[in-house]
Protein backbone atom coordinates (compact mmCIF):
# COMPACT_ATOMS: atom_id res chain seq x y z
CA ILE A 1 -166.07 -25.73 155.99
CA VAL A 2 -165.00 -29.38 156.22
CA ARG A 3 -164.09 -29.00 159.88
CA GLU A 4 -167.46 -27.32 160.52
CA LEU A 5 -169.24 -30.28 158.96
CA ALA A 6 -167.22 -32.62 161.12
CA GLY A 7 -167.80 -30.74 164.36
CA GLY A 8 -170.94 -28.62 164.01
CA GLU A 9 -173.52 -29.87 166.51
CA LYS A 10 -176.51 -28.69 164.47
CA LEU A 11 -175.45 -30.78 161.51
CA GLN A 12 -174.74 -33.99 163.40
CA ASP A 13 -177.44 -36.40 162.29
CA THR A 14 -175.82 -39.86 162.32
CA LYS A 15 -174.86 -41.96 165.31
CA LEU A 16 -171.87 -44.24 165.10
CA HIS A 17 -171.89 -47.05 167.66
CA PHE A 18 -168.47 -48.53 168.37
CA VAL A 19 -168.96 -52.03 169.77
CA ASN A 20 -166.46 -54.74 170.69
CA CYS A 21 -164.16 -52.01 171.97
CA GLU A 22 -163.50 -51.27 175.60
CA PRO A 23 -165.60 -49.43 176.50
CA SER A 24 -168.23 -49.36 173.75
CA SER A 25 -169.05 -45.79 172.79
CA LYS A 26 -171.04 -43.53 170.47
CA LEU A 27 -170.11 -40.65 168.25
CA THR A 28 -172.58 -38.35 166.50
CA VAL A 29 -171.42 -36.95 163.15
CA ASN A 30 -172.69 -35.40 159.95
CA SER A 31 -173.86 -37.96 157.36
CA PHE A 32 -172.83 -35.76 154.42
CA PHE A 33 -169.34 -35.44 155.88
CA LEU A 34 -169.08 -39.23 156.34
CA SER A 35 -170.34 -39.81 152.79
CA VAL A 36 -167.74 -37.47 151.33
CA CYS A 37 -164.74 -38.84 153.23
CA SER A 38 -165.50 -42.56 152.92
CA PRO A 39 -166.92 -44.52 149.97
CA VAL A 40 -167.92 -47.25 152.43
CA MET A 41 -169.88 -44.80 154.58
CA HIS A 42 -171.38 -43.30 151.43
CA LYS A 43 -172.76 -46.71 150.40
CA MET A 44 -174.13 -47.31 153.89
CA LEU A 45 -175.78 -43.90 154.18
CA CYS A 46 -176.94 -43.37 150.59
CA GLY A 47 -177.54 -46.93 149.43
CA SER A 48 -180.38 -49.35 150.08
CA PHE A 49 -179.26 -50.16 153.59
CA VAL A 50 -181.06 -49.75 156.88
CA GLU A 51 -178.40 -47.22 157.95
CA SER A 52 -179.62 -44.80 155.26
CA ILE A 53 -182.99 -44.59 156.97
CA GLN A 54 -182.12 -44.97 160.63
CA LYS A 55 -178.88 -42.94 160.58
CA ASN A 56 -177.37 -45.42 163.04
CA ILE A 57 -174.22 -47.28 162.11
CA VAL A 58 -172.80 -50.08 164.22
CA LEU A 59 -169.04 -50.41 163.81
CA LYS A 60 -167.58 -53.64 165.13
CA ASP A 61 -163.88 -53.88 165.91
CA VAL A 62 -163.26 -50.19 165.23
CA ASP A 63 -161.73 -48.03 167.93
CA GLU A 64 -163.50 -44.69 168.34
CA LYS A 65 -160.27 -42.78 168.97
CA ALA A 66 -158.61 -44.27 165.89
CA PHE A 67 -161.69 -43.52 163.79
CA GLY A 68 -161.73 -39.95 165.08
CA LYS A 69 -158.04 -39.48 164.25
CA VAL A 70 -158.62 -40.82 160.74
CA LEU A 71 -161.47 -38.33 160.28
CA ASP A 72 -159.22 -35.54 161.59
CA MET A 73 -156.52 -36.53 159.14
CA TRP A 74 -159.02 -36.56 156.29
CA CYS A 75 -159.91 -32.98 157.28
CA GLY A 76 -156.27 -31.99 156.89
CA LYS A 77 -154.76 -32.48 160.34
CA GLU A 78 -151.06 -33.25 159.99
CA VAL A 79 -149.72 -36.70 160.80
CA SER A 80 -147.31 -36.53 163.73
CA ALA A 81 -143.86 -37.80 162.81
CA ASP A 82 -143.38 -39.18 166.34
CA MET A 83 -146.52 -41.34 166.24
CA GLU A 84 -145.92 -44.88 167.48
CA LEU A 85 -145.79 -47.54 164.77
CA GLY A 86 -148.63 -49.48 166.45
CA GLU A 87 -150.86 -46.42 166.22
CA VAL A 88 -149.94 -45.93 162.55
CA ARG A 89 -150.92 -49.55 161.93
CA GLU A 90 -154.30 -49.08 163.62
CA LEU A 91 -155.01 -45.87 161.72
CA ALA A 92 -153.98 -47.54 158.45
CA ARG A 93 -156.33 -50.43 159.25
CA VAL A 94 -159.25 -48.03 159.79
CA ALA A 95 -158.40 -45.98 156.68
CA ASP A 96 -158.20 -49.15 154.59
CA ARG A 97 -161.45 -50.57 155.96
CA PHE A 98 -163.35 -47.39 155.06
CA GLN A 99 -161.43 -46.82 151.80
CA MET A 100 -160.04 -43.47 152.91
CA THR A 101 -157.11 -43.52 150.48
CA ASP A 102 -155.93 -39.96 151.19
CA VAL A 103 -155.44 -40.84 154.85
CA ALA A 104 -153.67 -44.10 154.01
CA SER A 105 -151.36 -42.20 151.66
CA ALA A 106 -150.53 -39.62 154.34
CA LEU A 107 -149.74 -42.38 156.87
CA GLU A 108 -147.64 -44.22 154.31
CA GLU A 109 -145.66 -41.09 153.47
CA THR A 110 -145.00 -40.38 157.14
CA VAL A 111 -143.62 -43.86 157.79
CA LEU A 112 -141.65 -43.84 154.53
CA ASN A 113 -139.92 -40.63 155.58
CA HIS A 114 -138.87 -42.20 158.88
CA LEU A 115 -138.35 -45.85 157.92
CA THR A 116 -135.45 -47.36 159.83
CA MET A 117 -134.02 -50.82 160.18
CA ARG A 118 -135.42 -50.96 163.73
CA MET A 119 -139.00 -50.77 162.42
CA CYS A 120 -138.47 -52.62 159.14
CA ALA A 121 -139.53 -56.10 160.32
CA ASP A 122 -142.69 -54.74 161.96
CA VAL A 123 -143.60 -52.85 158.80
CA LEU A 124 -143.04 -55.96 156.68
CA ASN A 125 -145.44 -57.92 158.87
CA TRP A 126 -148.41 -55.63 158.23
CA SER A 127 -147.87 -53.11 155.42
CA GLY A 128 -149.24 -55.39 152.70
CA GLU A 129 -152.49 -55.93 154.61
CA PHE A 130 -153.59 -52.32 154.24
CA GLY A 131 -152.59 -51.53 150.67
CA LEU A 132 -149.50 -49.52 151.63
CA ARG A 133 -147.56 -50.76 148.60
CA GLN A 134 -144.87 -48.06 148.52
CA LEU A 135 -144.10 -48.65 152.18
CA GLU A 136 -144.04 -52.40 151.69
CA THR A 137 -141.67 -52.02 148.72
CA ALA A 138 -139.34 -49.70 150.64
CA ALA A 139 -139.27 -52.05 153.65
CA TRP A 140 -138.52 -55.06 151.39
CA LYS A 141 -135.71 -53.16 149.71
CA LEU A 142 -134.20 -52.18 153.05
CA ALA A 143 -134.57 -55.73 154.41
CA THR A 144 -133.00 -57.42 151.40
CA GLU A 145 -130.16 -54.94 151.02
CA GLN A 146 -129.25 -54.95 154.72
CA PHE A 147 -130.37 -58.40 155.82
CA GLU A 148 -127.55 -58.92 158.29
CA GLU A 149 -128.54 -55.68 160.06
CA LEU A 150 -132.20 -56.72 160.03
CA VAL A 151 -131.47 -59.95 161.91
CA LYS A 152 -129.99 -57.91 164.78
CA THR A 153 -133.27 -56.07 165.42
CA ASP A 154 -135.91 -57.10 167.97
CA GLY A 155 -138.53 -57.14 165.23
CA PHE A 156 -136.75 -59.85 163.26
CA MET A 157 -137.71 -62.52 165.80
CA GLN A 158 -141.33 -61.30 165.58
CA MET A 159 -141.57 -61.69 161.81
CA SER A 160 -144.22 -64.09 160.64
CA GLU A 161 -143.10 -67.36 159.14
CA LYS A 162 -144.71 -66.41 155.83
CA VAL A 163 -142.90 -63.06 155.58
CA LEU A 164 -139.58 -64.59 156.63
CA GLY A 165 -139.96 -67.38 154.06
CA ILE A 166 -140.61 -64.92 151.25
CA LEU A 167 -137.66 -62.79 152.37
CA LEU A 168 -135.29 -65.77 152.42
CA GLU A 169 -136.35 -66.79 148.91
CA ASP A 170 -135.87 -63.27 147.51
CA ASP A 171 -133.16 -63.22 144.82
CA ASP A 172 -132.16 -59.70 145.89
CA LEU A 173 -131.25 -60.77 149.43
CA VAL A 174 -127.75 -59.49 150.23
CA ALA A 175 -125.53 -61.23 152.78
CA ARG A 176 -121.83 -62.01 153.10
CA ASN A 177 -122.58 -65.62 152.25
CA GLU A 178 -125.35 -68.19 152.39
CA GLU A 179 -124.07 -69.52 155.72
CA ALA A 180 -124.66 -66.10 157.33
CA VAL A 181 -128.32 -66.25 156.25
CA TRP A 182 -128.89 -69.72 157.64
CA LYS A 183 -127.08 -68.86 160.86
CA ALA A 184 -129.37 -65.86 161.31
CA VAL A 185 -132.55 -67.93 161.07
CA ALA A 186 -131.32 -70.96 163.00
């Protein structure tokens, strides 16, 4: 029934306008379906907002494909284990923005099950932004316990100054000696 609500043409009564994306696009969906899957959409469609009357929602800085995948995931579509980390980040951003916690949890679980040192620095840079606390904790643990391996990855040089500073101050950071840590960041 959920998939019918998502895809049934007769029930599609709300237009989503994706702007600031290349190219801008529209998607027509069921307002009840949107209200059930997203508390943010529920407020927009059922609250005292113009969207509740017009059934037109303008979404800035939201990619239509990412939004569609998040809706698919909410309907029960499995998360692919071989999904690129950049795509996971974008889907997590959309899920977080629209408070779709079930989708965020599924994405988090997928990355947790495949977390490697190669992706650790990238995950540390963005996991905290989207409320993926378990993933952030696991990445911190991996980074602090295997710091000397982390510095050998491509992602280490891409770490933000803020994240790197917090990592270097962490009391749980494990390295042969302090000189090895300073040599790695020099």
